[in-house]
Amino acid sequence: MNKTFNLYYQSPLGILEITGNEGAVWRIRFIDNKAKKDDPEPPDTLLECRQQLDEYFNGHRREFDVKTELRGTEFQIKVWNELYKIPYGHTVSYGGMAKSLGNPRAVRAVGGANGKNNIVIIYPCHRVIGSDGSMVGFGAGIWRKKWLLAHERLVLTQDK
């Protein structure tokens, strides 16, 4: 079994903990703002992930190509793969996601799966909003969700 490593990235929104092994990243999450040290000799997969997050926050990356490993139920993985398809700077409602998954009545289940997303930003659950356009359902804090969406929209407008 591959050893698990942790790496840390100081984002504009707080510290992100990147967890994985030499094969894949399987968790990115916001943690408290206490200083943490990277594990010694982290694999290239995690170093590349941190580099791509830095590029994202600096407005130079819109898509990630880091190798990831989704860990969840079959339904959760379907939802997370659907998250990955949401274009940079755009949003979709929970109902819209449920419909695209072929089950328009699964709105609550989609919300629950989004809440268990272990790879924030790369699997952009911040791009899922309420059907009325409201900012709901982001475990890392609604203020972060608003910031991420505003950041992406700003980058898009600067490209025009």
Foldseek 3Di string as FASTA:
>chain_A
DFDKWWDWAQAPLAIWIWIDGQQATEFIDHDDRDDDHTDPPGHPLRVLVNVQVVCVRVLNDFADDRHHDYDDDPVLVLLLVLLQPAGFLAAEELLRSCVVVVHSVCSVVSLVSLLVRRYDPNSPSLRYDHPVRHQDRDPNDSVVSVVRSVSRVVSVVVVD
